[in-house]
Each structure stands twice: as C-alpha cells, then as structure tokens.
Amino acid sequence: MNLIISFDVFFDALTMGQMNIVEGIFGFGEQIIDDGGKIIIQREYTNSSPEVLAEFKSLEALRDWKKRLNLA
C-alpha cells in the first residue's frame, strides 16, 4: 500500500500550524514504509493528471525531508 499526499493539503496544514495533522502524516508515512509501501507527494489539477513531486521509499529519506522542513 502507498500513501498519496496532496501537496496543497500538506502545505496548507503546515502553513496554518496544524502540527497534529502534519505529525500524523509523518507517523502514518513511517508505518506505510515499514510495511513496504512508499509515500507519494503529488499536486492535483482540475483538468489534468496529477503531478508527482516526490516519492519516499525509505524511512531515512522521509526523515530527511522532515528535517529539511525543520520539523525534526
């Protein structure tokens, strides 16, 4: 199973300081990776296919992204 995260939803939560949502995403993301899945960050468009912005297949990569966002 993979976790697909909407870029807009994630960064809206981050911008609005809804850290419980952000931390929940990272926590669930770690479970998904532990179970062999991956995290996909994508931007949704109304009249076009979604655009994949990033994929995380390892806990190290996901934690590095969290650190780069100054959340670690």
Protein backbone atom coordinates (compact mmCIF):
# COMPACT_ATOMS: atom_id res chain seq x y z
CA MET A 1 0.00 0.00 0.00
CA ASN A 2 1.18 3.50 -0.79
CA LEU A 3 0.26 6.81 0.82
CA ILE A 4 -0.55 9.60 -1.60
CA ILE A 5 -0.38 13.05 -0.03
CA SER A 6 -1.78 16.13 -1.71
CA PHE A 7 0.87 18.84 -1.86
CA ASP A 8 -1.73 21.54 -1.22
CA VAL A 9 -3.35 19.81 1.77
CA PHE A 10 0.01 19.07 3.41
CA PHE A 11 1.47 22.56 2.98
CA ASP A 12 -1.81 24.25 3.94
CA ALA A 13 -1.72 22.31 7.23
CA LEU A 14 1.94 23.23 7.69
CA THR A 15 1.32 26.91 6.93
CA MET A 16 -1.69 27.08 9.24
CA GLY A 17 0.27 25.50 12.08
CA GLN A 18 -1.88 22.38 12.22
CA MET A 19 1.02 20.32 13.50
CA ASN A 20 -1.20 17.45 14.67
CA ILE A 21 -2.11 16.84 11.02
CA VAL A 22 1.49 17.19 9.84
CA GLU A 23 2.82 14.85 12.54
CA GLY A 24 0.02 12.40 11.80
CA ILE A 25 1.03 12.31 8.14
CA PHE A 26 4.65 11.60 9.04
CA GLY A 27 3.67 8.96 11.60
CA PHE A 28 1.38 7.17 9.18
CA GLY A 29 4.01 7.57 6.46
CA GLU A 30 6.56 5.74 8.58
CA GLN A 31 4.11 2.86 9.07
CA ILE A 32 3.48 2.66 5.33
CA ILE A 33 7.22 2.49 4.59
CA ASP A 34 7.72 -0.11 7.34
CA ASP A 35 5.06 -2.21 5.60
CA GLY A 36 6.89 -1.98 2.25
CA GLY A 37 4.98 0.90 0.70
CA LYS A 38 6.05 4.37 -0.33
CA ILE A 39 4.95 7.96 0.20
CA ILE A 40 3.97 9.97 -2.86
CA ILE A 41 3.62 13.75 -2.76
CA GLN A 42 1.57 14.99 -5.67
CA ARG A 43 -0.12 18.12 -6.90
CA GLU A 44 -3.70 17.73 -8.09
CA TYR A 45 -5.10 19.60 -11.09
CA THR A 46 -8.71 20.06 -12.15
CA ASN A 47 -8.37 19.27 -15.85
CA SER A 48 -5.16 17.28 -15.93
CA SER A 49 -3.47 14.26 -14.41
CA PRO A 50 -1.79 14.71 -11.03
CA GLU A 51 1.91 15.59 -10.98
CA VAL A 52 4.19 13.52 -8.75
CA LEU A 53 6.51 15.92 -6.91
CA ALA A 54 8.36 13.45 -4.69
CA GLU A 55 8.47 9.81 -3.64
CA PHE A 56 9.88 8.45 -0.40
CA LYS A 57 10.70 4.75 -0.26
CA SER A 58 12.84 4.66 2.88
CA LEU A 59 12.50 5.91 6.43
CA GLU A 60 15.82 7.70 6.03
CA ALA A 61 14.53 9.70 3.04
CA LEU A 62 11.25 10.55 4.81
CA ARG A 63 13.05 11.65 7.98
CA ASP A 64 15.50 13.71 5.92
CA TRP A 65 12.58 15.53 4.29
CA LYS A 66 11.07 16.15 7.73
CA LYS A 67 14.41 17.55 8.88
CA ARG A 68 14.64 19.83 5.82
CA LEU A 69 11.21 21.19 6.76
CA ASN A 70 12.60 21.98 10.23
CA LEU A 71 10.16 19.57 11.86
CA ALA A 72 12.61 17.05 13.28
